[in-house]
Amino acid sequence: MSMYTLIILLIGLGILGYSLVYTLFVAKERKAVKGDIDAKLPENVQKHAYIRNPIFLTYAIFFGILLVMIIYLALTWNW
């Protein structure tokens, strides 16, 4: 395995580990819904609706990694 692949793998594992810990922390913090279908959003999420959205974070991380890969391949491509 090349050094580049190993670095990408470690970064991906780090992101997955952080996501798991963060999800477990948030899940423990949230109280169970008491019969209501909709619950009030936490104040922190209301202030940062786009930054705290996991879908937007996933797209941002994906395009960031994609950009790094394109730059790497463009710099190492043998013409």
PDB file of N, CA and C in Angstrom:
ATOM      1  N   MET A   1       0.846  -1.167   0.000  1.00  0.00           N
ATOM      2  CA  MET A   1       0.000   0.000   0.000  1.00  0.00           C
ATOM      3  C   MET A   1       0.900   1.241   0.000  1.00  0.00           C
ATOM      4  N   SER A   2       0.561   2.184  -0.870  1.00  0.00           N
ATOM      5  CA  SER A   2       1.392   3.379  -0.959  1.00  0.00           C
ATOM      6  C   SER A   2       1.148   4.293   0.242  1.00  0.00           C
ATOM      7  N   MET A   3       2.047   5.226   0.435  1.00  0.00           N
ATOM      8  CA  MET A   3       1.945   6.161   1.550  1.00  0.00           C
ATOM      9  C   MET A   3       0.694   7.027   1.408  1.00  0.00           C
ATOM     10  N   TYR A   4       0.382   7.422   0.170  1.00  0.00           N
ATOM     11  CA  TYR A   4      -0.800   8.248  -0.075  1.00  0.00           C
ATOM     12  C   TYR A   4      -2.074   7.508   0.324  1.00  0.00           C
ATOM     13  N   THR A   5      -2.192   6.246  -0.044  1.00  0.00           N
ATOM     14  CA  THR A   5      -3.361   5.447   0.308  1.00  0.00           C
ATOM     15  C   THR A   5      -3.462   5.268   1.811  1.00  0.00           C
ATOM     16  N   LEU A   6      -2.350   5.058   2.464  1.00  0.00           N
ATOM     17  CA  LEU A   6      -2.339   4.899   3.915  1.00  0.00           C
ATOM     18  C   LEU A   6      -2.791   6.179   4.613  1.00  0.00           C
ATOM     19  N   ILE A   7      -2.348   7.314   4.127  1.00  0.00           N
ATOM     20  CA  ILE A   7      -2.742   8.596   4.727  1.00  0.00           C
ATOM     21  C   ILE A   7      -4.238   8.817   4.553  1.00  0.00           C
ATOM     22  N   ILE A   8      -4.768   8.576   3.351  1.00  0.00           N
ATOM     23  CA  ILE A   8      -6.208   8.727   3.102  1.00  0.00           C
ATOM     24  C   ILE A   8      -7.003   7.765   3.980  1.00  0.00           C
ATOM     25  N   LEU A   9      -6.522   6.540   4.136  1.00  0.00           N
ATOM     26  CA  LEU A   9      -7.188   5.559   4.977  1.00  0.00           C
ATOM     27  C   LEU A   9      -7.224   6.012   6.426  1.00  0.00           C
ATOM     28  N   LEU A  10      -6.119   6.523   6.939  1.00  0.00           N
ATOM     29  CA  LEU A  10      -6.081   6.987   8.324  1.00  0.00           C
ATOM     30  C   LEU A  10      -6.976   8.207   8.536  1.00  0.00           C
ATOM     31  N   ILE A  11      -7.007   9.108   7.574  1.00  0.00           N
ATOM     32  CA  ILE A  11      -7.900  10.267   7.684  1.00  0.00           C
ATOM     33  C   ILE A  11      -9.356   9.812   7.694  1.00  0.00           C
ATOM     34  N   GLY A  12      -9.696   8.885   6.823  1.00  0.00           N
ATOM     35  CA  GLY A  12     -11.064   8.358   6.784  1.00  0.00           C
ATOM     36  C   GLY A  12     -11.449   7.655   8.078  1.00  0.00           C
ATOM     37  N   LEU A  13     -10.539   6.847   8.614  1.00  0.00           N
ATOM     38  CA  LEU A  13     -10.811   6.178   9.893  1.00  0.00           C
ATOM     39  C   LEU A  13     -10.963   7.183  11.025  1.00  0.00           C
ATOM     40  N   GLY A  14     -10.165   8.240  10.993  1.00  0.00           N
ATOM     41  CA  GLY A  14     -10.285   9.282  12.007  1.00  0.00           C
ATOM     42  C   GLY A  14     -11.631   9.980  11.948  1.00  0.00           C
ATOM     43  N   ILE A  15     -12.076  10.290  10.735  1.00  0.00           N
ATOM     44  CA  ILE A  15     -13.383  10.935  10.569  1.00  0.00           C
ATOM     45  C   ILE A  15     -14.502  10.006  11.019  1.00  0.00           C
ATOM     46  N   LEU A  16     -14.413   8.723  10.649  1.00  0.00           N
ATOM     47  CA  LEU A  16     -15.431   7.774  11.074  1.00  0.00           C
ATOM     48  C   LEU A  16     -15.457   7.609  12.594  1.00  0.00           C
ATOM     49  N   GLY A  17     -14.285   7.549  13.209  1.00  0.00           N
ATOM     50  CA  GLY A  17     -14.223   7.430  14.665  1.00  0.00           C
ATOM     51  C   GLY A  17     -14.798   8.644  15.364  1.00  0.00           C
ATOM     52  N   TYR A  18     -14.435   9.823  14.883  1.00  0.00           N
ATOM     53  CA  TYR A  18     -14.971  11.058  15.460  1.00  0.00           C
ATOM     54  C   TYR A  18     -16.484  11.126  15.292  1.00  0.00           C
ATOM     55  N   SER A  19     -16.976  10.731  14.117  1.00  0.00           N
ATOM     56  CA  SER A  19     -18.413  10.760  13.856  1.00  0.00           C
ATOM     57  C   SER A  19     -19.161   9.811  14.790  1.00  0.00           C
ATOM     58  N   LEU A  20     -18.603   8.641  15.011  1.00  0.00           N
ATOM     59  CA  LEU A  20     -19.239   7.681  15.911  1.00  0.00           C
ATOM     60  C   LEU A  20     -19.302   8.216  17.336  1.00  0.00           C
ATOM     61  N   VAL A  21     -18.193   8.739  17.834  1.00  0.00           N
ATOM     62  CA  VAL A  21     -18.160   9.269  19.193  1.00  0.00           C
ATOM     63  C   VAL A  21     -19.109  10.462  19.330  1.00  0.00           C
ATOM     64  N   TYR A  22     -19.107  11.345  18.341  1.00  0.00           N
ATOM     65  CA  TYR A  22     -19.980  12.515  18.378  1.00  0.00           C
ATOM     66  C   TYR A  22     -21.444  12.106  18.339  1.00  0.00           C
ATOM     67  N   THR A  23     -21.782  11.113  17.511  1.00  0.00           N
ATOM     68  CA  THR A  23     -23.158  10.638  17.432  1.00  0.00           C
ATOM     69  C   THR A  23     -23.601  10.018  18.751  1.00  0.00           C
ATOM     70  N   LEU A  24     -22.749   9.217  19.355  1.00  0.00           N
ATOM     71  CA  LEU A  24     -23.088   8.616  20.642  1.00  0.00           C
ATOM     72  C   LEU A  24     -23.243   9.679  21.723  1.00  0.00           C
ATOM     73  N   PHE A  25     -22.392  10.690  21.698  1.00  0.00           N
ATOM     74  CA  PHE A  25     -22.480  11.768  22.688  1.00  0.00           C
ATOM     75  C   PHE A  25     -23.783  12.539  22.541  1.00  0.00           C
ATOM     76  N   VAL A  26     -24.142  12.861  21.299  1.00  0.00           N
ATOM     77  CA  VAL A  26     -25.382  13.606  21.058  1.00  0.00           C
ATOM     78  C   VAL A  26     -26.592  12.751  21.404  1.00  0.00           C
ATOM     79  N   ALA A  27     -26.542  11.453  21.095  1.00  0.00           N
ATOM     80  CA  ALA A  27     -27.667  10.571  21.389  1.00  0.00           C
ATOM     81  C   ALA A  27     -27.898  10.449  22.889  1.00  0.00           C
ATOM     82  N   LYS A  28     -26.840  10.395  23.672  1.00  0.00           N
ATOM     83  CA  LYS A  28     -26.993  10.328  25.121  1.00  0.00           C
ATOM     84  C   LYS A  28     -27.499  11.647  25.684  1.00  0.00           C
ATOM     85  N   GLU A  29     -27.118  12.739  25.046  1.00  0.00           N
ATOM     86  CA  GLU A  29     -27.490  14.061  25.539  1.00  0.00           C
ATOM     87  C   GLU A  29     -28.968  14.350  25.315  1.00  0.00           C
ATOM     88  N   ARG A  30     -29.501  13.859  24.207  1.00  0.00           N
ATOM     89  CA  ARG A  30     -30.908  14.112  23.876  1.00  0.00           C
ATOM     90  C   ARG A  30     -31.821  13.336  24.823  1.00  0.00           C
ATOM     91  N   LYS A  31     -32.859  13.961  25.276  1.00  0.00           N
ATOM     92  CA  LYS A  31     -33.848  13.276  26.103  1.00  0.00           C
ATOM     93  C   LYS A  31     -34.837  12.561  25.194  1.00  0.00           C
ATOM     94  N   ALA A  32     -35.449  11.531  25.713  1.00  0.00           N
ATOM     95  CA  ALA A  32     -36.444  10.790  24.934  1.00  0.00           C
ATOM     96  C   ALA A  32     -37.655  11.686  24.695  1.00  0.00           C
ATOM     97  N   VAL A  33     -38.255  11.540  23.537  1.00  0.00           N
ATOM     98  CA  VAL A  33     -39.433  12.329  23.206  1.00  0.00           C
ATOM     99  C   VAL A  33     -40.580  11.859  24.091  1.00  0.00           C
ATOM    100  N   LYS A  34     -41.285  12.800  24.683  1.00  0.00           N
ATOM    101  CA  LYS A  34     -42.338  12.461  25.640  1.00  0.00           C
ATOM    102  C   LYS A  34     -43.707  12.507  24.980  1.00  0.00           C
ATOM    103  N   GLY A  35     -43.908  11.703  23.967  1.00  0.00           N
ATOM    104  CA  GLY A  35     -45.208  11.636  23.321  1.00  0.00           C
ATOM    105  C   GLY A  35     -45.385  12.626  22.177  1.00  0.00           C
ATOM    106  N   ASP A  36     -44.535  13.612  22.061  1.00  0.00           N
ATOM    107  CA  ASP A  36     -44.636  14.568  20.967  1.00  0.00           C
ATOM    108  C   ASP A  36     -43.919  14.016  19.744  1.00  0.00           C
ATOM    109  N   ILE A  37     -44.497  14.265  18.591  1.00  0.00           N
ATOM    110  CA  ILE A  37     -43.845  13.803  17.370  1.00  0.00           C
ATOM    111  C   ILE A  37     -42.645  14.691  17.064  1.00  0.00           C
ATOM    112  N   ASP A  38     -42.830  15.980  17.180  1.00  0.00           N
ATOM    113  CA  ASP A  38     -41.745  16.917  16.927  1.00  0.00           C
ATOM    114  C   ASP A  38     -41.227  17.471  18.244  1.00  0.00           C
ATOM    115  N   ALA A  39     -39.925  17.535  18.351  1.00  0.00           N
ATOM    116  CA  ALA A  39     -39.305  18.103  19.537  1.00  0.00           C
ATOM    117  C   ALA A  39     -38.621  19.411  19.133  1.00  0.00           C
ATOM    118  N   LYS A  40     -38.412  20.277  20.098  1.00  0.00           N
ATOM    119  CA  LYS A  40     -37.749  21.548  19.829  1.00  0.00           C
ATOM    120  C   LYS A  40     -36.278  21.288  19.510  1.00  0.00           C
ATOM    121  N   LEU A  41     -35.783  21.994  18.510  1.00  0.00           N
ATOM    122  CA  LEU A  41     -34.378  21.850  18.140  1.00  0.00           C
ATOM    123  C   LEU A  41     -33.504  22.488  19.209  1.00  0.00           C
ATOM    124  N   PRO A  42     -32.349  21.897  19.478  1.00  0.00           N
ATOM    125  CA  PRO A  42     -31.433  22.517  20.429  1.00  0.00           C
ATOM    126  C   PRO A  42     -30.996  23.908  19.950  1.00  0.00           C
ATOM    127  N   GLU A  43     -30.714  24.772  20.892  1.00  0.00           N
ATOM    128  CA  GLU A  43     -30.336  26.162  20.582  1.00  0.00           C
ATOM    129  C   GLU A  43     -29.098  26.225  19.690  1.00  0.00           C
ATOM    130  N   ASN A  44     -28.135  25.354  19.930  1.00  0.00           N
ATOM    131  CA  ASN A  44     -26.900  25.334  19.144  1.00  0.00           C
ATOM    132  C   ASN A  44     -27.184  25.004  17.675  1.00  0.00           C
ATOM    133  N   VAL A  45     -28.118  24.093  17.432  1.00  0.00           N
ATOM    134  CA  VAL A  45     -28.462  23.719  16.063  1.00  0.00           C
ATOM    135  C   VAL A  45     -29.244  24.843  15.391  1.00  0.00           C
ATOM    136  N   GLN A  46     -30.081  25.525  16.141  1.00  0.00           N
ATOM    137  CA  GLN A  46     -30.847  26.624  15.571  1.00  0.00           C
ATOM    138  C   GLN A  46     -29.933  27.752  15.101  1.00  0.00           C
ATOM    139  N   LYS A  47     -28.885  28.013  15.841  1.00  0.00           N
ATOM    140  CA  LYS A  47     -27.967  29.090  15.468  1.00  0.00           C
ATOM    141  C   LYS A  47     -27.125  28.722  14.252  1.00  0.00           C
ATOM    142  N   HIS A  48     -26.772  27.452  14.111  1.00  0.00           N
ATOM    143  CA  HIS A  48     -25.891  26.996  13.034  1.00  0.00           C
ATOM    144  C   HIS A  48     -26.582  25.870  12.263  1.00  0.00           C
ATOM    145  N   ALA A  49     -27.684  26.187  11.606  1.00  0.00           N
ATOM    146  CA  ALA A  49     -28.487  25.153  10.952  1.00  0.00           C
ATOM    147  C   ALA A  49     -27.734  24.457   9.823  1.00  0.00           C
ATOM    148  N   TYR A  50     -26.911  25.182   9.089  1.00  0.00           N
ATOM    149  CA  TYR A  50     -26.213  24.570   7.958  1.00  0.00           C
ATOM    150  C   TYR A  50     -24.920  23.894   8.385  1.00  0.00           C
ATOM    151  N   ILE A  51     -24.224  24.455   9.342  1.00  0.00           N
ATOM    152  CA  ILE A  51     -22.954  23.882   9.782  1.00  0.00           C
ATOM    153  C   ILE A  51     -23.180  22.576  10.539  1.00  0.00           C
ATOM    154  N   ARG A  52     -24.259  22.485  11.291  1.00  0.00           N
ATOM    155  CA  ARG A  52     -24.547  21.276  12.082  1.00  0.00           C
ATOM    156  C   ARG A  52     -25.291  20.202  11.300  1.00  0.00           C
ATOM    157  N   ASN A  53     -25.610  20.449  10.038  1.00  0.00           N
ATOM    158  CA  ASN A  53     -26.332  19.471   9.234  1.00  0.00           C
ATOM    159  C   ASN A  53     -25.343  18.425   8.707  1.00  0.00           C
ATOM    160  N   PRO A  54     -25.524  17.150   9.059  1.00  0.00           N
ATOM    161  CA  PRO A  54     -24.552  16.131   8.642  1.00  0.00           C
ATOM    162  C   PRO A  54     -24.495  15.921   7.126  1.00  0.00           C
ATOM    163  N   ILE A  55     -25.583  16.184   6.425  1.00  0.00           N
ATOM    164  CA  ILE A  55     -25.565  16.022   4.972  1.00  0.00           C
ATOM    165  C   ILE A  55     -24.635  17.059   4.341  1.00  0.00           C
ATOM    166  N   PHE A  56     -24.747  18.302   4.769  1.00  0.00           N
ATOM    167  CA  PHE A  56     -23.866  19.345   4.241  1.00  0.00           C
ATOM    168  C   PHE A  56     -22.413  19.080   4.623  1.00  0.00           C
ATOM    169  N   LEU A  57     -22.196  18.593   5.841  1.00  0.00           N
ATOM    170  CA  LEU A  57     -20.832  18.262   6.263  1.00  0.00           C
ATOM    171  C   LEU A  57     -20.264  17.140   5.397  1.00  0.00           C
ATOM    172  N   THR A  58     -21.080  16.140   5.080  1.00  0.00           N
ATOM    173  CA  THR A  58     -20.626  15.035   4.244  1.00  0.00           C
ATOM    174  C   THR A  58     -20.229  15.525   2.863  1.00  0.00           C
ATOM    175  N   TYR A  59     -21.060  16.381   2.267  1.00  0.00           N
ATOM    176  CA  TYR A  59     -20.715  16.929   0.949  1.00  0.00           C
ATOM    177  C   TYR A  59     -19.438  17.765   1.008  1.00  0.00           C
ATOM    178  N   ALA A  60     -19.295  18.580   2.033  1.00  0.00           N
ATOM    179  CA  ALA A  60     -18.103  19.424   2.156  1.00  0.00           C
ATOM    180  C   ALA A  60     -16.846  18.567   2.302  1.00  0.00           C
ATOM    181  N   ILE A  61     -16.912  17.539   3.135  1.00  0.00           N
ATOM    182  CA  ILE A  61     -15.758  16.659   3.328  1.00  0.00           C
ATOM    183  C   ILE A  61     -15.445  15.896   2.041  1.00  0.00           C
ATOM    184  N   PHE A  62     -16.487  15.406   1.362  1.00  0.00           N
ATOM    185  CA  PHE A  62     -16.280  14.675   0.117  1.00  0.00           C
ATOM    186  C   PHE A  62     -15.587  15.545  -0.928  1.00  0.00           C
ATOM    187  N   PHE A  63     -16.092  16.762  -1.138  1.00  0.00           N
ATOM    188  CA  PHE A  63     -15.490  17.620  -2.146  1.00  0.00           C
ATOM    189  C   PHE A  63     -14.094  18.093  -1.733  1.00  0.00           C
ATOM    190  N   GLY A  64     -13.852  18.220  -0.439  1.00  0.00           N
ATOM    191  CA  GLY A  64     -12.507  18.550   0.021  1.00  0.00           C
ATOM    192  C   GLY A  64     -11.524  17.435  -0.285  1.00  0.00           C
ATOM    193  N   ILE A  65     -11.904  16.195   0.007  1.00  0.00           N
ATOM    194  CA  ILE A  65     -11.037  15.052  -0.289  1.00  0.00           C
ATOM    195  C   ILE A  65     -10.871  14.888  -1.795  1.00  0.00           C
ATOM    196  N   LEU A  66     -11.951  15.096  -2.543  1.00  0.00           N
ATOM    197  CA  LEU A  66     -11.873  15.007  -4.000  1.00  0.00           C
ATOM    198  C   LEU A  66     -10.909  16.045  -4.563  1.00  0.00           C
ATOM    199  N   LEU A  67     -10.965  17.254  -4.054  1.00  0.00           N
ATOM    200  CA  LEU A  67     -10.060  18.312  -4.503  1.00  0.00           C
ATOM    201  C   LEU A  67      -8.605  17.965  -4.197  1.00  0.00           C
ATOM    202  N   VAL A  68      -8.346  17.435  -3.008  1.00  0.00           N
ATOM    203  CA  VAL A  68      -6.989  17.026  -2.646  1.00  0.00           C
ATOM    204  C   VAL A  68      -6.499  15.910  -3.571  1.00  0.00           C
ATOM    205  N   MET A  69      -7.365  14.955  -3.881  1.00  0.00           N
ATOM    206  CA  MET A  69      -6.971  13.871  -4.775  1.00  0.00           C
ATOM    207  C   MET A  69      -6.685  14.382  -6.185  1.00  0.00           C
ATOM    208  N   ILE A  70      -7.489  15.309  -6.681  1.00  0.00           N
ATOM    209  CA  ILE A  70      -7.260  15.871  -8.016  1.00  0.00           C
ATOM    210  C   ILE A  70      -5.942  16.625  -8.062  1.00  0.00           C
ATOM    211  N   ILE A  71      -5.672  17.421  -7.042  1.00  0.00           N
ATOM    212  CA  ILE A  71      -4.409  18.170  -6.998  1.00  0.00           C
ATOM    213  C   ILE A  71      -3.231  17.208  -6.925  1.00  0.00           C
ATOM    214  N   TYR A  72      -3.351  16.170  -6.098  1.00  0.00           N
ATOM    215  CA  TYR A  72      -2.265  15.190  -5.974  1.00  0.00           C
ATOM    216  C   TYR A  72      -1.997  14.496  -7.305  1.00  0.00           C
ATOM    217  N   LEU A  73      -3.058  14.039  -7.946  1.00  0.00           N
ATOM    218  CA  LEU A  73      -2.886  13.345  -9.220  1.00  0.00           C
ATOM    219  C   LEU A  73      -2.361  14.289 -10.304  1.00  0.00           C
ATOM    220  N   ALA A  74      -2.773  15.543 -10.277  1.00  0.00           N
ATOM    221  CA  ALA A  74      -2.275  16.499 -11.272  1.00  0.00           C
ATOM    222  C   ALA A  74      -0.783  16.784 -11.084  1.00  0.00           C
ATOM    223  N   LEU A  75      -0.342  16.798  -9.837  1.00  0.00           N
ATOM    224  CA  LEU A  75       1.072  17.066  -9.564  1.00  0.00           C
ATOM    225  C   LEU A  75       1.963  15.855  -9.799  1.00  0.00           C
ATOM    226  N   THR A  76       1.414  14.660  -9.646  1.00  0.00           N
ATOM    227  CA  THR A  76       2.250  13.462  -9.808  1.00  0.00           C
ATOM    228  C   THR A  76       2.101  12.791 -11.156  1.00  0.00           C
ATOM    229  N   TRP A  77       1.234  13.281 -12.007  1.00  0.00           N
ATOM    230  CA  TRP A  77       1.005  12.681 -13.331  1.00  0.00           C
ATOM    231  C   TRP A  77       2.234  12.895 -14.201  1.00  0.00           C
ATOM    232  N   ASN A  78       2.704  11.819 -14.794  1.00  0.00           N
ATOM    233  CA  ASN A  78       3.877  11.890 -15.669  1.00  0.00           C
ATOM    234  C   ASN A  78       3.418  12.139 -17.103  1.00  0.00           C
ATOM    235  N   TRP A  79       3.724  13.287 -17.645  1.00  0.00           N
ATOM    236  CA  TRP A  79       3.327  13.629 -19.014  1.00  0.00           C
ATOM    237  C   TRP A  79       4.367  13.125 -19.915  1.00  0.00           C
TER     238      TRP A  79
END
